[in-house]
Amino acid sequence: MDEVVPIWLVWTIVSIVVTFAFPVISWALGRWYQDSLLNKLDVAEKNQMAAFGADQISSTSNKVSSLSAQSSVLLHTSIVVGPSMGQMFFMWSKSVFGGRLHSYDVVISYGRREVVRRLQEQATQLGCSSITNLRIQTSTVTFAKNSKGRTSSLEFLAYGTGIRK
């Protein structure tokens, strides 16, 4: 006996699959792209640390009295990064149901690491041997075209004093 599947059931299943296919594909492509960026950042950080050194950066509010410098220069750089549409969808769903926003953690970690690496690169180009009073500011940029659609990104601004000895 052949049973015919009701057309409304087929359309319901197709609608559900299509609704979630775009966010899942976008999330997967976004994660793949972010992983490639993080791998490149790992290599760049290792090269930068070999040239500049991790111990040459300080972020302190205490007065540094033992630091002697020939001259100093203000270093600053910024970067804007954002999650993919799929990541934004899953972050929205996590905010509804609760839980850790892992996708946002990845974006924040990448932004902070990249802005510090760029600041070290700038310091090296200007002949600085260390960076003191490193500060990183993060702000959320939300752009609403209309009441329905919103995109979001994070801006990272890093600045510090480059010391030339």
Protein backbone atom coordinates (compact mmCIF):
# COMPACT_ATOMS: atom_id res chain seq x y z
CA MET A 1 0.00 0.00 0.00
CA ASP A 2 1.52 3.30 -1.07
CA GLU A 3 1.10 6.14 1.35
CA VAL A 4 1.29 9.68 0.08
CA VAL A 5 3.04 12.22 2.25
CA PRO A 6 0.82 15.27 2.74
CA ILE A 7 2.06 18.30 0.84
CA TRP A 8 1.80 20.52 3.91
CA LEU A 9 4.25 18.23 5.74
CA VAL A 10 6.73 18.43 2.87
CA TRP A 11 6.49 22.24 2.77
CA THR A 12 6.89 22.46 6.55
CA ILE A 13 10.02 20.31 6.52
CA VAL A 14 11.49 22.18 3.54
CA SER A 15 10.75 25.54 5.22
CA ILE A 16 12.48 24.48 8.43
CA VAL A 17 15.54 23.14 6.58
CA VAL A 18 15.86 26.26 4.43
CA THR A 19 15.41 28.55 7.45
CA PHE A 20 18.29 26.95 9.33
CA ALA A 21 20.51 26.10 6.35
CA PHE A 22 21.70 29.66 5.74
CA PRO A 23 22.77 30.36 9.35
CA VAL A 24 24.48 26.96 9.63
CA ILE A 25 26.37 27.39 6.35
CA SER A 26 27.29 30.98 7.25
CA TRP A 27 28.47 29.86 10.70
CA ALA A 28 30.58 27.05 9.21
CA LEU A 29 32.19 29.33 6.62
CA GLY A 30 32.74 32.03 9.25
CA ARG A 31 34.45 29.58 11.61
CA TRP A 32 36.63 28.26 8.78
CA TYR A 33 37.67 31.80 7.84
CA GLN A 34 38.28 32.80 11.46
CA ASP A 35 40.36 29.67 12.04
CA SER A 36 42.52 30.55 9.02
CA LEU A 37 42.94 34.09 10.39
CA LEU A 38 43.87 32.74 13.83
CA ASN A 39 46.46 30.38 12.31
CA LYS A 40 48.02 33.27 10.39
CA LEU A 41 47.96 35.37 13.57
CA ASP A 42 49.74 32.60 15.52
CA VAL A 43 52.56 32.58 12.97
CA ALA A 44 52.77 36.38 12.88
CA GLU A 45 52.83 36.59 16.70
CA LYS A 46 55.66 34.06 16.92
CA ASN A 47 57.69 36.01 14.36
CA GLN A 48 56.93 39.31 16.10
CA MET A 49 57.83 37.94 19.55
CA ALA A 50 61.16 36.74 18.21
CA ALA A 51 61.91 40.24 16.91
CA PHE A 52 60.35 42.36 19.67
CA GLY A 53 59.99 40.15 22.74
CA ALA A 54 56.95 39.58 24.94
CA ASP A 55 58.62 40.97 28.05
CA GLN A 56 59.04 44.37 26.41
CA ILE A 57 55.36 45.29 26.84
CA SER A 58 53.94 46.62 30.09
CA SER A 59 50.53 47.81 31.07
CA THR A 60 50.86 49.41 34.45
CA SER A 61 49.32 52.27 36.31
CA ASN A 62 52.27 52.48 38.72
CA LYS A 63 55.03 54.97 38.15
CA VAL A 64 57.99 53.44 36.37
CA SER A 65 61.12 54.98 37.87
CA SER A 66 63.85 52.66 36.60
CA LEU A 67 63.13 53.20 32.91
CA SER A 68 65.68 55.23 31.02
CA ALA A 69 64.85 56.37 27.52
CA GLN A 70 66.50 58.36 24.79
CA SER A 71 63.10 59.36 23.41
CA SER A 72 59.51 58.20 23.32
CA VAL A 73 56.70 58.15 20.80
CA LEU A 74 52.95 57.59 20.95
CA LEU A 75 51.95 54.33 19.28
CA HIS A 76 48.38 53.66 18.24
CA THR A 77 46.50 51.33 15.96
CA SER A 78 42.96 50.08 15.53
CA ILE A 79 41.05 47.25 13.93
CA VAL A 80 37.38 46.48 13.35
CA VAL A 81 36.21 42.85 13.34
CA GLY A 82 32.83 41.22 13.33
CA PRO A 83 31.11 37.86 13.51
CA SER A 84 29.50 36.17 10.51
CA MET A 85 25.74 36.22 10.02
CA GLY A 86 25.53 32.61 11.20
CA GLN A 87 27.47 33.43 14.36
CA MET A 88 25.17 36.38 15.01
CA PHE A 89 22.16 34.06 14.61
CA PHE A 90 23.56 31.55 17.08
CA MET A 91 24.56 34.34 19.49
CA TRP A 92 20.98 35.61 19.32
CA SER A 93 19.64 32.12 20.05
CA LYS A 94 22.10 31.73 22.97
CA SER A 95 20.97 35.09 24.36
CA VAL A 96 17.38 33.83 24.29
CA PHE A 97 18.13 30.45 25.89
CA GLY A 98 21.25 31.39 27.88
CA GLY A 99 24.79 30.13 27.76
CA ARG A 100 28.30 31.22 26.89
CA LEU A 101 28.72 33.13 23.63
CA HIS A 102 31.73 31.23 22.29
CA SER A 103 31.56 32.88 18.86
CA TYR A 104 31.88 36.31 20.46
CA ASP A 105 34.83 35.09 22.56
CA VAL A 106 36.65 34.08 19.38
CA VAL A 107 36.04 37.48 17.78
CA ILE A 108 37.18 39.35 20.91
CA SER A 109 40.29 37.21 21.35
CA TYR A 110 41.29 37.66 17.71
CA GLY A 111 40.74 41.43 17.83
CA ARG A 112 42.82 41.94 20.98
CA ARG A 113 45.68 39.76 19.78
CA GLU A 114 45.76 41.34 16.32
CA VAL A 115 45.74 44.92 17.61
CA VAL A 116 48.62 44.20 20.02
CA ARG A 117 50.58 42.51 17.22
CA ARG A 118 50.06 45.54 14.97
CA LEU A 119 51.17 47.85 17.78
CA GLN A 120 54.36 45.80 18.23
CA GLU A 121 54.96 45.93 14.49
CA GLN A 122 54.58 49.71 14.55
CA ALA A 123 56.97 49.95 17.50
CA THR A 124 59.57 47.86 15.67
CA GLN A 125 59.28 50.05 12.56
CA LEU A 126 59.80 53.20 14.65
CA GLY A 127 62.85 51.73 16.43
CA CYS A 128 61.26 51.29 19.85
CA SER A 129 62.69 48.72 22.21
CA SER A 130 59.65 48.51 24.51
CA ILE A 131 56.06 49.63 24.96
CA THR A 132 54.79 50.98 28.27
CA ASN A 133 51.30 51.88 29.44
CA LEU A 134 49.61 49.70 26.84
CA ARG A 135 45.87 50.29 26.75
CA ILE A 136 43.24 48.50 24.70
CA GLN A 137 39.76 49.94 24.29
CA THR A 138 36.92 47.93 22.84
CA SER A 139 33.65 49.32 21.59
CA THR A 140 30.66 47.74 19.89
CA VAL A 141 29.50 49.26 16.65
CA THR A 142 25.88 48.52 15.72
CA PHE A 143 24.41 49.70 12.47
CA ALA A 144 20.65 49.55 11.96
CA LYS A 145 19.45 50.06 8.38
CA ASN A 146 15.88 49.63 9.45
CA SER A 147 14.02 48.31 12.43
CA LYS A 148 14.51 44.68 11.30
CA GLY A 149 18.12 44.32 10.19
CA ARG A 150 21.16 44.95 12.34
CA THR A 151 24.80 44.17 11.89
CA SER A 152 27.35 44.39 14.62
CA SER A 153 31.11 44.67 14.83
CA LEU A 154 33.76 45.35 17.44
CA GLU A 155 36.35 48.10 17.22
CA PHE A 156 39.65 47.64 19.05
CA LEU A 157 41.91 50.62 19.70
CA ALA A 158 45.34 50.03 21.20
CA TYR A 159 47.77 52.73 22.23
CA GLY A 160 50.87 52.98 24.31
CA THR A 161 54.18 54.77 24.70
CA GLY A 162 57.03 53.44 22.62
CA ILE A 163 60.43 53.78 24.32
CA ARG A 164 63.62 54.23 22.32
CA LYS A 165 66.78 53.49 24.26
